Amino acid sequence: MAKIIVNVLLFALLALPSLSWATPVNWQFPSTVIFPGLNNSVSGSFTFDADTNSLSNMSLVVTLNGVATPIATAGSVNNYLRIVQSNTLNSPGVFIDRSTLTNAGGTVQIPDMGAGTCSGLILGLCGNVVPSGGRVSNATINGAIATVSPIPAVSQWSLMLLALLLGMLGLARFRRQP
């Protein structure tokens, strides 16, 4: 019995590696980014996790031809982030080259960015934002590590499991002794 418990314990400790969670970064445009064209701009912030390639907490305002529209829906994410008003054709949005956005945060230059409308859907998500007033190179954006609520890591749960199994093993040995 004890041999089985020890084997199970060793398997659990070796089979359950510690997971590490990436900390997403809140990215904020320090000022309104003006695109060449007819009063086209973008301002606001979003959270991006470069390790999981996921967007959240999008709060941007895109202005196309003088009309300001709040956008807070993630389109497709690959080499470019696409944030749109809705995942429908002709929906206003912005595309952002994600190559300089890391989980380290800081102030970075975005190599390519534009505002326009969604021109194609990929699996129900906006897959292409066509710039209607030009593009911008090297726009500045500031990133700060997002606050994440603490949750137990796998290693903590493994230690609790280890303590429980060792306690059961000790109790079994204690009962066997005369």
C-alpha atoms as a PDB file:
ATOM      1  CA  MET A   1       0.000   0.000   0.000  1.00  0.00           C
ATOM      2  CA  ALA A   2       2.768   2.421   0.975  1.00  0.00           C
ATOM      3  CA  LYS A   3       4.677   1.602  -2.204  1.00  0.00           C
ATOM      4  CA  ILE A   4       1.624   2.439  -4.302  1.00  0.00           C
ATOM      5  CA  ILE A   5       1.127   5.754  -2.490  1.00  0.00           C
ATOM      6  CA  VAL A   6       4.797   6.680  -2.939  1.00  0.00           C
ATOM      7  CA  ASN A   7       4.624   5.799  -6.660  1.00  0.00           C
ATOM      8  CA  VAL A   8       1.438   7.839  -7.120  1.00  0.00           C
ATOM      9  CA  LEU A   9       3.015  10.725  -5.246  1.00  0.00           C
ATOM     10  CA  LEU A  10       6.185  10.653  -7.377  1.00  0.00           C
ATOM     11  CA  PHE A  11       4.118  10.442 -10.570  1.00  0.00           C
ATOM     12  CA  ALA A  12       1.978  13.414  -9.496  1.00  0.00           C
ATOM     13  CA  LEU A  13       5.013  15.530  -8.665  1.00  0.00           C
ATOM     14  CA  LEU A  14       6.722  14.715 -11.946  1.00  0.00           C
ATOM     15  CA  ALA A  15       3.633  14.775 -14.167  1.00  0.00           C
ATOM     16  CA  LEU A  16       2.224  18.062 -12.886  1.00  0.00           C
ATOM     17  CA  PRO A  17       4.710  20.730 -13.951  1.00  0.00           C
ATOM     18  CA  SER A  18       4.369  24.206 -12.527  1.00  0.00           C
ATOM     19  CA  LEU A  19       2.477  26.477 -14.858  1.00  0.00           C
ATOM     20  CA  SER A  20       3.470  30.073 -15.244  1.00  0.00           C
ATOM     21  CA  TRP A  21       0.924  32.624 -16.352  1.00  0.00           C
ATOM     22  CA  ALA A  22       1.906  35.531 -18.513  1.00  0.00           C
ATOM     23  CA  THR A  23       1.008  38.931 -17.214  1.00  0.00           C
ATOM     24  CA  PRO A  24      -0.877  40.990 -19.793  1.00  0.00           C
ATOM     25  CA  VAL A  25       0.064  44.605 -20.451  1.00  0.00           C
ATOM     26  CA  ASN A  26      -2.287  47.610 -20.565  1.00  0.00           C
ATOM     27  CA  TRP A  27      -1.318  49.670 -23.631  1.00  0.00           C
ATOM     28  CA  GLN A  28      -2.298  53.350 -23.720  1.00  0.00           C
ATOM     29  CA  PHE A  29      -1.881  55.867 -26.523  1.00  0.00           C
ATOM     30  CA  PRO A  30      -0.337  58.911 -24.737  1.00  0.00           C
ATOM     31  CA  SER A  31      -2.149  61.250 -27.120  1.00  0.00           C
ATOM     32  CA  THR A  32      -4.473  61.017 -30.078  1.00  0.00           C
ATOM     33  CA  VAL A  33      -2.771  59.440 -33.078  1.00  0.00           C
ATOM     34  CA  ILE A  34      -3.657  61.436 -36.192  1.00  0.00           C
ATOM     35  CA  PHE A  35      -3.745  59.597 -39.508  1.00  0.00           C
ATOM     36  CA  PRO A  36      -3.219  61.399 -42.798  1.00  0.00           C
ATOM     37  CA  GLY A  37      -6.551  62.104 -44.393  1.00  0.00           C
ATOM     38  CA  LEU A  38      -9.844  63.670 -43.429  1.00  0.00           C
ATOM     39  CA  ASN A  39      -9.782  64.010 -39.627  1.00  0.00           C
ATOM     40  CA  ASN A  40      -8.881  60.362 -38.995  1.00  0.00           C
ATOM     41  CA  SER A  41      -7.481  59.425 -35.570  1.00  0.00           C
ATOM     42  CA  VAL A  42      -7.424  56.854 -32.766  1.00  0.00           C
ATOM     43  CA  SER A  43      -7.087  57.234 -28.985  1.00  0.00           C
ATOM     44  CA  GLY A  44      -7.611  55.122 -25.880  1.00  0.00           C
ATOM     45  CA  SER A  45      -6.231  51.879 -24.484  1.00  0.00           C
ATOM     46  CA  PHE A  46      -6.364  48.075 -24.638  1.00  0.00           C
ATOM     47  CA  THR A  47      -4.843  45.087 -22.844  1.00  0.00           C
ATOM     48  CA  PHE A  48      -2.752  42.629 -24.843  1.00  0.00           C
ATOM     49  CA  ASP A  49      -1.043  39.439 -23.701  1.00  0.00           C
ATOM     50  CA  ALA A  50       1.791  38.674 -26.126  1.00  0.00           C
ATOM     51  CA  ASP A  51       2.270  35.120 -24.798  1.00  0.00           C
ATOM     52  CA  THR A  52      -1.328  34.037 -25.374  1.00  0.00           C
ATOM     53  CA  ASN A  53      -1.945  36.463 -28.258  1.00  0.00           C
ATOM     54  CA  SER A  54      -5.168  37.708 -26.663  1.00  0.00           C
ATOM     55  CA  LEU A  55      -6.877  41.102 -26.461  1.00  0.00           C
ATOM     56  CA  SER A  56      -9.104  42.364 -23.647  1.00  0.00           C
ATOM     57  CA  ASN A  57     -10.294  45.598 -21.991  1.00  0.00           C
ATOM     58  CA  MET A  58     -10.443  47.459 -25.294  1.00  0.00           C
ATOM     59  CA  SER A  59     -11.490  51.073 -24.925  1.00  0.00           C
ATOM     60  CA  LEU A  60     -10.576  52.943 -28.088  1.00  0.00           C
ATOM     61  CA  VAL A  61     -12.189  55.737 -30.049  1.00  0.00           C
ATOM     62  CA  VAL A  62     -11.562  55.803 -33.797  1.00  0.00           C
ATOM     63  CA  THR A  63     -12.457  58.901 -35.801  1.00  0.00           C
ATOM     64  CA  LEU A  64     -13.075  58.418 -39.517  1.00  0.00           C
ATOM     65  CA  ASN A  65     -13.910  61.416 -41.689  1.00  0.00           C
ATOM     66  CA  GLY A  66     -14.678  63.441 -38.547  1.00  0.00           C
ATOM     67  CA  VAL A  67     -17.077  60.875 -37.024  1.00  0.00           C
ATOM     68  CA  ALA A  68     -15.900  59.461 -33.661  1.00  0.00           C
ATOM     69  CA  THR A  69     -16.886  55.842 -32.903  1.00  0.00           C
ATOM     70  CA  PRO A  70     -16.084  53.864 -29.745  1.00  0.00           C
ATOM     71  CA  ILE A  71     -14.567  50.490 -30.619  1.00  0.00           C
ATOM     72  CA  ALA A  72     -14.222  47.639 -28.134  1.00  0.00           C
ATOM     73  CA  THR A  73     -14.482  44.345 -30.046  1.00  0.00           C
ATOM     74  CA  ALA A  74     -11.528  42.140 -30.906  1.00  0.00           C
ATOM     75  CA  GLY A  75     -11.180  41.066 -34.497  1.00  0.00           C
ATOM     76  CA  SER A  76      -8.693  38.444 -35.592  1.00  0.00           C
ATOM     77  CA  VAL A  77      -5.255  38.518 -33.989  1.00  0.00           C
ATOM     78  CA  ASN A  78      -2.165  37.398 -35.872  1.00  0.00           C
ATOM     79  CA  ASN A  79       0.682  39.697 -36.924  1.00  0.00           C
ATOM     80  CA  TYR A  80      -1.795  42.566 -36.603  1.00  0.00           C
ATOM     81  CA  LEU A  81      -4.302  43.321 -33.861  1.00  0.00           C
ATOM     82  CA  ARG A  82      -7.703  44.280 -35.213  1.00  0.00           C
ATOM     83  CA  ILE A  83     -10.033  46.171 -32.908  1.00  0.00           C
ATOM     84  CA  VAL A  84     -13.413  47.053 -34.399  1.00  0.00           C
ATOM     85  CA  GLN A  85     -16.849  48.374 -33.439  1.00  0.00           C
ATOM     86  CA  SER A  86     -18.359  44.984 -34.320  1.00  0.00           C
ATOM     87  CA  ASN A  87     -17.297  41.932 -36.332  1.00  0.00           C
ATOM     88  CA  THR A  88     -19.331  42.950 -39.374  1.00  0.00           C
ATOM     89  CA  LEU A  89     -18.343  44.217 -42.788  1.00  0.00           C
ATOM     90  CA  ASN A  90     -17.760  47.987 -43.034  1.00  0.00           C
ATOM     91  CA  SER A  91     -17.510  48.305 -39.249  1.00  0.00           C
ATOM     92  CA  PRO A  92     -15.072  51.073 -38.170  1.00  0.00           C
ATOM     93  CA  GLY A  93     -11.852  49.845 -36.628  1.00  0.00           C
ATOM     94  CA  VAL A  94      -8.109  50.033 -36.302  1.00  0.00           C
ATOM     95  CA  PHE A  95      -5.256  47.653 -37.116  1.00  0.00           C
ATOM     96  CA  ILE A  96      -2.013  47.657 -35.117  1.00  0.00           C
ATOM     97  CA  ASP A  97       1.240  45.863 -35.956  1.00  0.00           C
ATOM     98  CA  ARG A  98       1.884  43.799 -32.809  1.00  0.00           C
ATOM     99  CA  SER A  99       5.570  43.034 -33.435  1.00  0.00           C
ATOM    100  CA  THR A 100       6.816  45.505 -30.798  1.00  0.00           C
ATOM    101  CA  LEU A 101       4.131  44.770 -28.178  1.00  0.00           C
ATOM    102  CA  THR A 102       5.651  42.453 -25.571  1.00  0.00           C
ATOM    103  CA  ASN A 103       4.742  41.522 -22.002  1.00  0.00           C
ATOM    104  CA  ALA A 104       7.600  43.735 -20.782  1.00  0.00           C
ATOM    105  CA  GLY A 105       5.593  46.937 -21.300  1.00  0.00           C
ATOM    106  CA  GLY A 106       7.369  50.290 -21.568  1.00  0.00           C
ATOM    107  CA  THR A 107       7.213  52.882 -24.333  1.00  0.00           C
ATOM    108  CA  VAL A 108       7.435  51.403 -27.826  1.00  0.00           C
ATOM    109  CA  GLN A 109       7.006  52.530 -31.419  1.00  0.00           C
ATOM    110  CA  ILE A 110       4.323  50.757 -33.478  1.00  0.00           C
ATOM    111  CA  PRO A 111       5.801  50.116 -36.943  1.00  0.00           C
ATOM    112  CA  ASP A 112       2.457  50.156 -38.809  1.00  0.00           C
ATOM    113  CA  MET A 113      -1.025  51.249 -37.797  1.00  0.00           C
ATOM    114  CA  GLY A 114      -4.146  52.427 -39.580  1.00  0.00           C
ATOM    115  CA  ALA A 115      -7.817  53.234 -39.119  1.00  0.00           C
ATOM    116  CA  GLY A 116     -10.547  52.267 -41.510  1.00  0.00           C
ATOM    117  CA  THR A 117     -13.337  49.775 -42.002  1.00  0.00           C
ATOM    118  CA  CYS A 118     -13.562  45.982 -41.823  1.00  0.00           C
ATOM    119  CA  SER A 119     -13.405  44.545 -45.330  1.00  0.00           C
ATOM    120  CA  GLY A 120     -13.368  40.805 -44.671  1.00  0.00           C
ATOM    121  CA  LEU A 121     -14.382  38.239 -42.070  1.00  0.00           C
ATOM    122  CA  ILE A 122     -12.362  35.165 -41.039  1.00  0.00           C
ATOM    123  CA  LEU A 123     -14.326  32.648 -38.963  1.00  0.00           C
ATOM    124  CA  GLY A 124     -16.733  35.399 -37.926  1.00  0.00           C
ATOM    125  CA  LEU A 125     -13.995  37.850 -36.889  1.00  0.00           C
ATOM    126  CA  CYS A 126     -12.855  40.923 -38.771  1.00  0.00           C
ATOM    127  CA  GLY A 127      -9.791  39.720 -40.641  1.00  0.00           C
ATOM    128  CA  ASN A 128      -8.856  42.885 -42.497  1.00  0.00           C
ATOM    129  CA  VAL A 129      -9.225  46.587 -41.740  1.00  0.00           C
ATOM    130  CA  VAL A 130      -8.680  48.664 -44.880  1.00  0.00           C
ATOM    131  CA  PRO A 131      -7.290  52.106 -44.033  1.00  0.00           C
ATOM    132  CA  SER A 132      -9.608  54.802 -45.344  1.00  0.00           C
ATOM    133  CA  GLY A 133      -7.343  57.726 -44.595  1.00  0.00           C
ATOM    134  CA  GLY A 134      -3.803  56.467 -44.620  1.00  0.00           C
ATOM    135  CA  ARG A 135      -1.420  54.720 -42.274  1.00  0.00           C
ATOM    136  CA  VAL A 136       0.971  55.808 -39.571  1.00  0.00           C
ATOM    137  CA  SER A 137       4.462  54.485 -38.898  1.00  0.00           C
ATOM    138  CA  ASN A 138       6.198  54.679 -35.521  1.00  0.00           C
ATOM    139  CA  ALA A 139       3.261  55.825 -33.395  1.00  0.00           C
ATOM    140  CA  THR A 140       4.192  55.852 -29.694  1.00  0.00           C
ATOM    141  CA  ILE A 141       2.313  53.692 -27.198  1.00  0.00           C
ATOM    142  CA  ASN A 142       2.931  53.158 -23.464  1.00  0.00           C
ATOM    143  CA  GLY A 143       2.518  49.804 -21.762  1.00  0.00           C
ATOM    144  CA  ALA A 144       2.157  48.996 -18.052  1.00  0.00           C
ATOM    145  CA  ILE A 145       1.821  45.542 -16.505  1.00  0.00           C
ATOM    146  CA  ALA A 146      -1.837  44.817 -15.779  1.00  0.00           C
ATOM    147  CA  THR A 147      -2.900  44.105 -12.211  1.00  0.00           C
ATOM    148  CA  VAL A 148      -3.758  40.445 -11.869  1.00  0.00           C
ATOM    149  CA  SER A 149      -5.514  38.989  -8.827  1.00  0.00           C
ATOM    150  CA  PRO A 150      -3.392  36.341  -7.119  1.00  0.00           C
ATOM    151  CA  ILE A 151      -4.487  32.755  -7.602  1.00  0.00           C
ATOM    152  CA  PRO A 152      -2.826  29.597  -6.304  1.00  0.00           C
ATOM    153  CA  ALA A 153      -0.218  28.227  -8.675  1.00  0.00           C
ATOM    154  CA  VAL A 154      -0.013  24.545  -9.534  1.00  0.00           C
ATOM    155  CA  SER A 155       3.070  24.196  -7.341  1.00  0.00           C
ATOM    156  CA  GLN A 156       1.051  25.284  -4.265  1.00  0.00           C
ATOM    157  CA  TRP A 157      -1.640  22.731  -5.021  1.00  0.00           C
ATOM    158  CA  SER A 158       1.058  20.101  -5.516  1.00  0.00           C
ATOM    159  CA  LEU A 159       2.482  20.871  -2.084  1.00  0.00           C
ATOM    160  CA  MET A 160      -0.954  20.550  -0.494  1.00  0.00           C
ATOM    161  CA  LEU A 161      -1.462  17.213  -2.255  1.00  0.00           C
ATOM    162  CA  LEU A 162       1.978  16.073  -1.098  1.00  0.00           C
ATOM    163  CA  ALA A 163       1.175  16.995   2.518  1.00  0.00           C
ATOM    164  CA  LEU A 164      -2.149  15.134   2.321  1.00  0.00           C
ATOM    165  CA  LEU A 165      -0.577  12.014   0.846  1.00  0.00           C
ATOM    166  CA  LEU A 166       2.282  12.033   3.352  1.00  0.00           C
ATOM    167  CA  GLY A 167      -0.227  12.433   6.176  1.00  0.00           C
ATOM    168  CA  MET A 168      -2.204   9.448   4.881  1.00  0.00           C
ATOM    169  CA  LEU A 169       1.006   7.421   4.607  1.00  0.00           C
ATOM    170  CA  GLY A 170       1.979   8.307   8.183  1.00  0.00           C
ATOM    171  CA  LEU A 171      -1.477   7.426   9.461  1.00  0.00           C
ATOM    172  CA  ALA A 172      -1.352   4.048   7.687  1.00  0.00           C
ATOM    173  CA  ARG A 173       2.062   3.289   9.245  1.00  0.00           C
ATOM    174  CA  PHE A 174       0.847   4.423  12.650  1.00  0.00           C
ATOM    175  CA  ARG A 175      -2.128   2.008  12.512  1.00  0.00           C
ATOM    176  CA  ARG A 176       0.099  -0.960  11.538  1.00  0.00           C
ATOM    177  CA  GLN A 177       2.457  -0.627  14.497  1.00  0.00           C
ATOM    178  CA  PRO A 178       1.483  -2.675  17.609  1.00  0.00           C
END
